[in-house]
Amino acid sequence: MSYYKAAEVLPEHIIKEIQKYVDGHSIYVPKKTDSRKSWGESTETLSVLEKRNEQIYSEYLEGCSITHLSEKYYLVEKSIQRIIRQKKKK
């Protein structure tokens, strides 16, 4: 996250209005909701997890037990069950 000097990006009347609420402190201005990215959109994490989940489901269909999958992928059994349930819906 980068910082900008308020005087360089905001009109003086807006700075004075902000100073009524926070004087001399840093504040965070969030992005507009329509310009936010969803979780994992900026990285490959989402696709990596999707591939892992496909592999888990595939191994489950081949007869691998939930306990074995849990140990193999270092996930609790409830997470393995959730992944299988989501894949069955698709």
PDB file of N, CA and C in Angstrom:
ATOM      1  N   MET A   1       0.853  -1.169   0.000  1.00  0.00           N
ATOM      2  CA  MET A   1       0.000   0.000   0.000  1.00  0.00           C
ATOM      3  C   MET A   1       0.896   1.228   0.000  1.00  0.00           C
ATOM      4  N   SER A   2       0.617   2.142  -0.887  1.00  0.00           N
ATOM      5  CA  SER A   2       1.422   3.360  -0.944  1.00  0.00           C
ATOM      6  C   SER A   2       0.664   4.521  -0.299  1.00  0.00           C
ATOM      7  N   TYR A   3       1.422   5.508   0.119  1.00  0.00           N
ATOM      8  CA  TYR A   3       0.840   6.674   0.767  1.00  0.00           C
ATOM      9  C   TYR A   3       0.991   7.896  -0.125  1.00  0.00           C
ATOM     10  N   TYR A   4       0.021   8.777  -0.068  1.00  0.00           N
ATOM     11  CA  TYR A   4       0.059  10.040  -0.789  1.00  0.00           C
ATOM     12  C   TYR A   4      -0.105  11.163   0.217  1.00  0.00           C
ATOM     13  N   LYS A   5       0.513  12.297  -0.069  1.00  0.00           N
ATOM     14  CA  LYS A   5       0.277  13.469   0.760  1.00  0.00           C
ATOM     15  C   LYS A   5      -1.083  14.032   0.372  1.00  0.00           C
ATOM     16  N   ALA A   6      -1.902  14.257   1.366  1.00  0.00           N
ATOM     17  CA  ALA A   6      -3.259  14.722   1.103  1.00  0.00           C
ATOM     18  C   ALA A   6      -3.263  16.015   0.294  1.00  0.00           C
ATOM     19  N   ALA A   7      -2.323  16.911   0.581  1.00  0.00           N
ATOM     20  CA  ALA A   7      -2.274  18.204  -0.111  1.00  0.00           C
ATOM     21  C   ALA A   7      -1.978  18.049  -1.601  1.00  0.00           C
ATOM     22  N   GLU A   8      -1.388  16.905  -1.983  1.00  0.00           N
ATOM     23  CA  GLU A   8      -1.066  16.682  -3.381  1.00  0.00           C
ATOM     24  C   GLU A   8      -2.227  16.081  -4.176  1.00  0.00           C
ATOM     25  N   VAL A   9      -3.183  15.463  -3.486  1.00  0.00           N
ATOM     26  CA  VAL A   9      -4.257  14.774  -4.209  1.00  0.00           C
ATOM     27  C   VAL A   9      -5.669  15.260  -3.870  1.00  0.00           C
ATOM     28  N   LEU A  10      -5.809  16.037  -2.803  1.00  0.00           N
ATOM     29  CA  LEU A  10      -7.142  16.494  -2.398  1.00  0.00           C
ATOM     30  C   LEU A  10      -7.217  18.012  -2.378  1.00  0.00           C
ATOM     31  N   PRO A  11      -8.389  18.541  -2.703  1.00  0.00           N
ATOM     32  CA  PRO A  11      -8.572  19.989  -2.585  1.00  0.00           C
ATOM     33  C   PRO A  11      -8.519  20.417  -1.110  1.00  0.00           C
ATOM     34  N   GLU A  12      -8.136  21.659  -0.889  1.00  0.00           N
ATOM     35  CA  GLU A  12      -7.944  22.151   0.472  1.00  0.00           C
ATOM     36  C   GLU A  12      -9.212  22.068   1.311  1.00  0.00           C
ATOM     37  N   HIS A  13     -10.368  22.325   0.722  1.00  0.00           N
ATOM     38  CA  HIS A  13     -11.605  22.289   1.513  1.00  0.00           C
ATOM     39  C   HIS A  13     -11.929  20.870   1.991  1.00  0.00           C
ATOM     40  N   ILE A  14     -11.544  19.870   1.233  1.00  0.00           N
ATOM     41  CA  ILE A  14     -11.762  18.487   1.665  1.00  0.00           C
ATOM     42  C   ILE A  14     -10.794  18.137   2.800  1.00  0.00           C
ATOM     43  N   ILE A  15      -9.567  18.594   2.700  1.00  0.00           N
ATOM     44  CA  ILE A  15      -8.578  18.358   3.769  1.00  0.00           C
ATOM     45  C   ILE A  15      -9.073  18.962   5.074  1.00  0.00           C
ATOM     46  N   LYS A  16      -9.600  20.193   5.016  1.00  0.00           N
ATOM     47  CA  LYS A  16     -10.111  20.845   6.230  1.00  0.00           C
ATOM     48  C   LYS A  16     -11.286  20.069   6.815  1.00  0.00           C
ATOM     49  N   GLU A  17     -12.134  19.530   5.952  1.00  0.00           N
ATOM     50  CA  GLU A  17     -13.276  18.741   6.417  1.00  0.00           C
ATOM     51  C   GLU A  17     -12.802  17.462   7.101  1.00  0.00           C
ATOM     52  N   ILE A  18     -11.817  16.794   6.532  1.00  0.00           N
ATOM     53  CA  ILE A  18     -11.272  15.578   7.125  1.00  0.00           C
ATOM     54  C   ILE A  18     -10.608  15.884   8.460  1.00  0.00           C
ATOM     55  N   GLN A  19      -9.931  17.017   8.555  1.00  0.00           N
ATOM     56  CA  GLN A  19      -9.238  17.397   9.792  1.00  0.00           C
ATOM     57  C   GLN A  19     -10.202  17.609  10.955  1.00  0.00           C
ATOM     58  N   LYS A  20     -11.470  17.843  10.662  1.00  0.00           N
ATOM     59  CA  LYS A  20     -12.459  17.958  11.724  1.00  0.00           C
ATOM     60  C   LYS A  20     -12.610  16.619  12.460  1.00  0.00           C
ATOM     61  N   TYR A  21     -12.362  15.516  11.761  1.00  0.00           N
ATOM     62  CA  TYR A  21     -12.558  14.184  12.325  1.00  0.00           C
ATOM     63  C   TYR A  21     -11.242  13.538  12.769  1.00  0.00           C
ATOM     64  N   VAL A  22     -10.211  13.669  11.948  1.00  0.00           N
ATOM     65  CA  VAL A  22      -8.895  13.101  12.277  1.00  0.00           C
ATOM     66  C   VAL A  22      -7.838  14.119  11.894  1.00  0.00           C
ATOM     67  N   ASP A  23      -7.190  14.674  12.875  1.00  0.00           N
ATOM     68  CA  ASP A  23      -6.188  15.711  12.625  1.00  0.00           C
ATOM     69  C   ASP A  23      -4.795  15.151  12.883  1.00  0.00           C
ATOM     70  N   GLY A  24      -4.006  15.041  11.833  1.00  0.00           N
ATOM     71  CA  GLY A  24      -2.629  14.582  11.975  1.00  0.00           C
ATOM     72  C   GLY A  24      -2.449  13.079  12.035  1.00  0.00           C
ATOM     73  N   HIS A  25      -3.467  12.315  11.696  1.00  0.00           N
ATOM     74  CA  HIS A  25      -3.385  10.852  11.722  1.00  0.00           C
ATOM     75  C   HIS A  25      -3.509  10.305  10.305  1.00  0.00           C
ATOM     76  N   SER A  26      -2.982   9.120  10.109  1.00  0.00           N
ATOM     77  CA  SER A  26      -3.144   8.438   8.834  1.00  0.00           C
ATOM     78  C   SER A  26      -4.513   7.777   8.804  1.00  0.00           C
ATOM     79  N   ILE A  27      -5.159   7.808   7.659  1.00  0.00           N
ATOM     80  CA  ILE A  27      -6.432   7.113   7.508  1.00  0.00           C
ATOM     81  C   ILE A  27      -6.366   6.257   6.248  1.00  0.00           C
ATOM     82  N   TYR A  28      -7.178   5.218   6.222  1.00  0.00           N
ATOM     83  CA  TYR A  28      -7.245   4.320   5.089  1.00  0.00           C
ATOM     84  C   TYR A  28      -8.524   4.624   4.311  1.00  0.00           C
ATOM     85  N   VAL A  29      -8.395   4.820   3.016  1.00  0.00           N
ATOM     86  CA  VAL A  29      -9.550   5.046   2.153  1.00  0.00           C
ATOM     87  C   VAL A  29      -9.729   3.784   1.327  1.00  0.00           C
ATOM     88  N   PRO A  30     -10.794   3.022   1.570  1.00  0.00           N
ATOM     89  CA  PRO A  30     -10.975   1.753   0.851  1.00  0.00           C
ATOM     90  C   PRO A  30     -11.335   1.969  -0.616  1.00  0.00           C
ATOM     91  N   LYS A  31     -11.078   0.940  -1.417  1.00  0.00           N
ATOM     92  CA  LYS A  31     -11.459   0.986  -2.828  1.00  0.00           C
ATOM     93  C   LYS A  31     -12.975   0.943  -2.939  1.00  0.00           C
ATOM     94  N   LYS A  32     -13.479   1.420  -4.060  1.00  0.00           N
ATOM     95  CA  LYS A  32     -14.906   1.294  -4.326  1.00  0.00           C
ATOM     96  C   LYS A  32     -15.231  -0.185  -4.472  1.00  0.00           C
ATOM     97  N   THR A  33     -16.417  -0.572  -4.057  1.00  0.00           N
ATOM     98  CA  THR A  33     -16.778  -1.986  -4.078  1.00  0.00           C
ATOM     99  C   THR A  33     -16.776  -2.561  -5.490  1.00  0.00           C
ATOM    100  N   ASP A  34     -17.064  -1.768  -6.498  1.00  0.00           N
ATOM    101  CA  ASP A  34     -17.090  -2.291  -7.859  1.00  0.00           C
ATOM    102  C   ASP A  34     -15.694  -2.467  -8.458  1.00  0.00           C
ATOM    103  N   SER A  35     -14.651  -1.946  -7.812  1.00  0.00           N
ATOM    104  CA  SER A  35     -13.297  -2.100  -8.340  1.00  0.00           C
ATOM    105  C   SER A  35     -12.466  -3.100  -7.536  1.00  0.00           C
ATOM    106  N   ARG A  36     -13.089  -3.737  -6.546  1.00  0.00           N
ATOM    107  CA  ARG A  36     -12.379  -4.725  -5.733  1.00  0.00           C
ATOM    108  C   ARG A  36     -12.258  -6.043  -6.486  1.00  0.00           C
ATOM    109  N   LYS A  37     -11.166  -6.729  -6.249  1.00  0.00           N
ATOM    110  CA  LYS A  37     -10.972  -8.050  -6.825  1.00  0.00           C
ATOM    111  C   LYS A  37     -11.426  -9.086  -5.813  1.00  0.00           C
ATOM    112  N   SER A  38     -11.923 -10.192  -6.303  1.00  0.00           N
ATOM    113  CA  SER A  38     -12.336 -11.245  -5.393  1.00  0.00           C
ATOM    114  C   SER A  38     -11.114 -12.001  -4.896  1.00  0.00           C
ATOM    115  N   TRP A  39     -11.310 -12.806  -3.841  1.00  0.00           N
ATOM    116  CA  TRP A  39     -10.208 -13.509  -3.218  1.00  0.00           C
ATOM    117  C   TRP A  39      -9.515 -14.409  -4.235  1.00  0.00           C
ATOM    118  N   GLY A  40      -8.181 -14.327  -4.317  1.00  0.00           N
ATOM    119  CA  GLY A  40      -7.393 -15.179  -5.184  1.00  0.00           C
ATOM    120  C   GLY A  40      -7.298 -14.725  -6.619  1.00  0.00           C
ATOM    121  N   GLU A  41      -7.951 -13.639  -6.968  1.00  0.00           N
ATOM    122  CA  GLU A  41      -7.978 -13.166  -8.344  1.00  0.00           C
ATOM    123  C   GLU A  41      -6.625 -12.602  -8.791  1.00  0.00           C
ATOM    124  N   SER A  42      -5.864 -12.056  -7.880  1.00  0.00           N
ATOM    125  CA  SER A  42      -4.582 -11.441  -8.218  1.00  0.00           C
ATOM    126  C   SER A  42      -3.433 -12.439  -8.264  1.00  0.00           C
ATOM    127  N   THR A  43      -3.643 -13.630  -7.738  1.00  0.00           N
ATOM    128  CA  THR A  43      -2.575 -14.622  -7.672  1.00  0.00           C
ATOM    129  C   THR A  43      -3.053 -15.933  -8.297  1.00  0.00           C
ATOM    130  N   GLU A  44      -2.194 -16.923  -8.272  1.00  0.00           N
ATOM    131  CA  GLU A  44      -2.548 -18.244  -8.802  1.00  0.00           C
ATOM    132  C   GLU A  44      -3.147 -19.150  -7.734  1.00  0.00           C
ATOM    133  N   THR A  45      -3.322 -18.650  -6.547  1.00  0.00           N
ATOM    134  CA  THR A  45      -3.787 -19.462  -5.428  1.00  0.00           C
ATOM    135  C   THR A  45      -5.106 -20.155  -5.730  1.00  0.00           C
ATOM    136  N   LEU A  46      -6.038 -19.434  -6.313  1.00  0.00           N
ATOM    137  CA  LEU A  46      -7.354 -19.996  -6.603  1.00  0.00           C
ATOM    138  C   LEU A  46      -7.247 -21.182  -7.550  1.00  0.00           C
ATOM    139  N   SER A  47      -6.442 -21.057  -8.605  1.00  0.00           N
ATOM    140  CA  SER A  47      -6.307 -22.158  -9.557  1.00  0.00           C
ATOM    141  C   SER A  47      -5.550 -23.334  -8.949  1.00  0.00           C
ATOM    142  N   VAL A  48      -4.570 -23.063  -8.088  1.00  0.00           N
ATOM    143  CA  VAL A  48      -3.831 -24.132  -7.419  1.00  0.00           C
ATOM    144  C   VAL A  48      -4.764 -24.933  -6.512  1.00  0.00           C
ATOM    145  N   LEU A  49      -5.604 -24.226  -5.759  1.00  0.00           N
ATOM    146  CA  LEU A  49      -6.544 -24.914  -4.870  1.00  0.00           C
ATOM    147  C   LEU A  49      -7.590 -25.689  -5.660  1.00  0.00           C
ATOM    148  N   GLU A  50      -8.015 -25.155  -6.784  1.00  0.00           N
ATOM    149  CA  GLU A  50      -8.994 -25.849  -7.621  1.00  0.00           C
ATOM    150  C   GLU A  50      -8.403 -27.151  -8.162  1.00  0.00           C
ATOM    151  N   LYS A  51      -7.150 -27.117  -8.597  1.00  0.00           N
ATOM    152  CA  LYS A  51      -6.479 -28.335  -9.083  1.00  0.00           C
ATOM    153  C   LYS A  51      -6.341 -29.358  -7.954  1.00  0.00           C
ATOM    154  N   ARG A  52      -5.972 -28.873  -6.763  1.00  0.00           N
ATOM    155  CA  ARG A  52      -5.841 -29.772  -5.615  1.00  0.00           C
ATOM    156  C   ARG A  52      -7.177 -30.427  -5.288  1.00  0.00           C
ATOM    157  N   ASN A  53      -8.246 -29.641  -5.300  1.00  0.00           N
ATOM    158  CA  ASN A  53      -9.564 -30.164  -4.979  1.00  0.00           C
ATOM    159  C   ASN A  53     -10.037 -31.173  -6.020  1.00  0.00           C
ATOM    160  N   GLU A  54      -9.713 -30.925  -7.292  1.00  0.00           N
ATOM    161  CA  GLU A  54     -10.043 -31.884  -8.351  1.00  0.00           C
ATOM    162  C   GLU A  54      -9.315 -33.202  -8.110  1.00  0.00           C
ATOM    163  N   GLN A  55      -8.061 -33.103  -7.702  1.00  0.00           N
ATOM    164  CA  GLN A  55      -7.259 -34.297  -7.422  1.00  0.00           C
ATOM    165  C   GLN A  55      -7.841 -35.063  -6.236  1.00  0.00           C
ATOM    166  N   ILE A  56      -8.236 -34.347  -5.208  1.00  0.00           N
ATOM    167  CA  ILE A  56      -8.847 -34.985  -4.035  1.00  0.00           C
ATOM    168  C   ILE A  56     -10.108 -35.731  -4.437  1.00  0.00           C
ATOM    169  N   TYR A  57     -10.957 -35.080  -5.226  1.00  0.00           N
ATOM    170  CA  TYR A  57     -12.219 -35.702  -5.646  1.00  0.00           C
ATOM    171  C   TYR A  57     -11.962 -36.916  -6.528  1.00  0.00           C
ATOM    172  N   SER A  58     -10.993 -36.790  -7.405  1.00  0.00           N
ATOM    173  CA  SER A  58     -10.643 -37.901  -8.292  1.00  0.00           C
ATOM    174  C   SER A  58     -10.167 -39.114  -7.484  1.00  0.00           C
ATOM    175  N   GLU A  59      -9.310 -38.872  -6.511  1.00  0.00           N
ATOM    176  CA  GLU A  59      -8.815 -39.957  -5.674  1.00  0.00           C
ATOM    177  C   GLU A  59      -9.933 -40.563  -4.831  1.00  0.00           C
ATOM    178  N   TYR A  60     -10.874 -39.728  -4.393  1.00  0.00           N
ATOM    179  CA  TYR A  60     -12.024 -40.214  -3.625  1.00  0.00           C
ATOM    180  C   TYR A  60     -12.867 -41.151  -4.496  1.00  0.00           C
ATOM    181  N   LEU A  61     -13.099 -40.763  -5.747  1.00  0.00           N
ATOM    182  CA  LEU A  61     -13.886 -41.589  -6.657  1.00  0.00           C
ATOM    183  C   LEU A  61     -13.183 -42.915  -6.971  1.00  0.00           C
ATOM    184  N   GLU A  62     -11.863 -42.913  -6.891  1.00  0.00           N
ATOM    185  CA  GLU A  62     -11.094 -44.135  -7.133  1.00  0.00           C
ATOM    186  C   GLU A  62     -11.067 -45.041  -5.908  1.00  0.00           C
ATOM    187  N   GLY A  63     -11.673 -44.612  -4.806  1.00  0.00           N
ATOM    188  CA  GLY A  63     -11.793 -45.464  -3.630  1.00  0.00           C
ATOM    189  C   GLY A  63     -10.940 -45.070  -2.442  1.00  0.00           C
ATOM    190  N   CYS A  64     -10.253 -43.955  -2.517  1.00  0.00           N
ATOM    191  CA  CYS A  64      -9.420 -43.497  -1.406  1.00  0.00           C
ATOM    192  C   CYS A  64     -10.329 -43.047  -0.251  1.00  0.00           C
ATOM    193  N   SER A  65      -9.968 -43.408   0.958  1.00  0.00           N
ATOM    194  CA  SER A  65     -10.798 -43.038   2.108  1.00  0.00           C
ATOM    195  C   SER A  65     -10.589 -41.567   2.475  1.00  0.00           C
ATOM    196  N   ILE A  66     -11.582 -41.021   3.146  1.00  0.00           N
ATOM    197  CA  ILE A  66     -11.513 -39.632   3.584  1.00  0.00           C
ATOM    198  C   ILE A  66     -10.375 -39.455   4.591  1.00  0.00           C
ATOM    199  N   THR A  67     -10.177 -40.443   5.440  1.00  0.00           N
ATOM    200  CA  THR A  67      -9.091 -40.380   6.422  1.00  0.00           C
ATOM    201  C   THR A  67      -7.738 -40.318   5.728  1.00  0.00           C
ATOM    202  N   HIS A  68      -7.553 -41.167   4.722  1.00  0.00           N
ATOM    203  CA  HIS A  68      -6.280 -41.178   3.978  1.00  0.00           C
ATOM    204  C   HIS A  68      -6.068 -39.845   3.256  1.00  0.00           C
ATOM    205  N   LEU A  69      -7.105 -39.320   2.612  1.00  0.00           N
ATOM    206  CA  LEU A  69      -6.999 -38.034   1.915  1.00  0.00           C
ATOM    207  C   LEU A  69      -6.669 -36.915   2.898  1.00  0.00           C
ATOM    208  N   SER A  70      -7.275 -36.984   4.080  1.00  0.00           N
ATOM    209  CA  SER A  70      -7.025 -35.988   5.114  1.00  0.00           C
ATOM    210  C   SER A  70      -5.553 -35.974   5.513  1.00  0.00           C
ATOM    211  N   GLU A  71      -4.978 -37.150   5.685  1.00  0.00           N
ATOM    212  CA  GLU A  71      -3.567 -37.252   6.057  1.00  0.00           C
ATOM    213  C   GLU A  71      -2.656 -36.845   4.907  1.00  0.00           C
ATOM    214  N   LYS A  72      -3.017 -37.237   3.706  1.00  0.00           N
ATOM    215  CA  LYS A  72      -2.183 -36.955   2.533  1.00  0.00           C
ATOM    216  C   LYS A  72      -2.102 -35.458   2.232  1.00  0.00           C
ATOM    217  N   TYR A  73      -3.234 -34.763   2.343  1.00  0.00           N
ATOM    218  CA  TYR A  73      -3.286 -33.342   1.977  1.00  0.00           C
ATOM    219  C   TYR A  73      -3.227 -32.414   3.189  1.00  0.00           C
ATOM    220  N   TYR A  74      -3.023 -32.977   4.369  1.00  0.00           N
ATOM    221  CA  TYR A  74      -2.908 -32.186   5.604  1.00  0.00           C
ATOM    222  C   TYR A  74      -4.130 -31.293   5.833  1.00  0.00           C
ATOM    223  N   LEU A  75      -5.303 -31.887   5.644  1.00  0.00           N
ATOM    224  CA  LEU A  75      -6.569 -31.194   5.879  1.00  0.00           C
ATOM    225  C   LEU A  75      -7.387 -32.017   6.869  1.00  0.00           C
ATOM    226  N   VAL A  76      -8.245 -31.344   7.623  1.00  0.00           N
ATOM    227  CA  VAL A  76      -9.133 -32.085   8.517  1.00  0.00           C
ATOM    228  C   VAL A  76     -10.188 -32.805   7.680  1.00  0.00           C
ATOM    229  N   GLU A  77     -10.748 -33.857   8.228  1.00  0.00           N
ATOM    230  CA  GLU A  77     -11.719 -34.659   7.489  1.00  0.00           C
ATOM    231  C   GLU A  77     -12.934 -33.844   7.054  1.00  0.00           C
ATOM    232  N   LYS A  78     -13.343 -32.900   7.866  1.00  0.00           N
ATOM    233  CA  LYS A  78     -14.486 -32.047   7.507  1.00  0.00           C
ATOM    234  C   LYS A  78     -14.200 -31.264   6.219  1.00  0.00           C
ATOM    235  N   SER A  79     -12.959 -30.807   6.041  1.00  0.00           N
ATOM    236  CA  SER A  79     -12.599 -30.073   4.823  1.00  0.00           C
ATOM    237  C   SER A  79     -12.639 -30.994   3.611  1.00  0.00           C
ATOM    238  N   ILE A  80     -12.164 -32.214   3.769  1.00  0.00           N
ATOM    239  CA  ILE A  80     -12.212 -33.184   2.674  1.00  0.00           C
ATOM    240  C   ILE A  80     -13.672 -33.471   2.308  1.00  0.00           C
ATOM    241  N   GLN A  81     -14.506 -33.640   3.324  1.00  0.00           N
ATOM    242  CA  GLN A  81     -15.937 -33.888   3.083  1.00  0.00           C
ATOM    243  C   GLN A  81     -16.579 -32.711   2.346  1.00  0.00           C
ATOM    244  N   ARG A  82     -16.209 -31.486   2.734  1.00  0.00           N
ATOM    245  CA  ARG A  82     -16.757 -30.299   2.079  1.00  0.00           C
ATOM    246  C   ARG A  82     -16.341 -30.250   0.612  1.00  0.00           C
ATOM    247  N   ILE A  83     -15.077 -30.539   0.334  1.00  0.00           N
ATOM    248  CA  ILE A  83     -14.573 -30.526  -1.037  1.00  0.00           C
ATOM    249  C   ILE A  83     -15.324 -31.560  -1.876  1.00  0.00           C
ATOM    250  N   ILE A  84     -15.501 -32.751  -1.333  1.00  0.00           N
ATOM    251  CA  ILE A  84     -16.208 -33.821  -2.051  1.00  0.00           C
ATOM    252  C   ILE A  84     -17.652 -33.423  -2.303  1.00  0.00           C
ATOM    253  N   ARG A  85     -18.295 -32.851  -1.292  1.00  0.00           N
ATOM    254  CA  ARG A  85     -19.692 -32.428  -1.430  1.00  0.00           C
ATOM    255  C   ARG A  85     -19.836 -31.355  -2.513  1.00  0.00           C
ATOM    256  N   GLN A  86     -18.894 -30.393  -2.560  1.00  0.00           N
ATOM    257  CA  GLN A  86     -18.951 -29.339  -3.571  1.00  0.00           C
ATOM    258  C   GLN A  86     -18.731 -29.903  -4.973  1.00  0.00           C
ATOM    259  N   LYS A  87     -17.832 -30.857  -5.097  1.00  0.00           N
ATOM    260  CA  LYS A  87     -17.544 -31.444  -6.403  1.00  0.00           C
ATOM    261  C   LYS A  87     -18.716 -32.304  -6.882  1.00  0.00           C
ATOM    262  N   LYS A  88     -19.415 -32.948  -5.957  1.00  0.00           N
ATOM    263  CA  LYS A  88     -20.580 -33.753  -6.337  1.00  0.00           C
ATOM    264  C   LYS A  88     -21.692 -32.895  -6.914  1.00  0.00           C
ATOM    265  N   LYS A  89     -21.837 -31.673  -6.385  1.00  0.00           N
ATOM    266  CA  LYS A  89     -22.874 -30.764  -6.867  1.00  0.00           C
ATOM    267  C   LYS A  89     -22.649 -30.358  -8.308  1.00  0.00           C
ATOM    268  N   LYS A  90     -21.364 -30.275  -8.698  1.00  0.00           N
ATOM    269  CA  LYS A  90     -21.028 -29.858 -10.062  1.00  0.00           C
ATOM    270  C   LYS A  90     -21.168 -30.995 -10.978  1.00  0.00           C
TER     271      LYS A  90
END
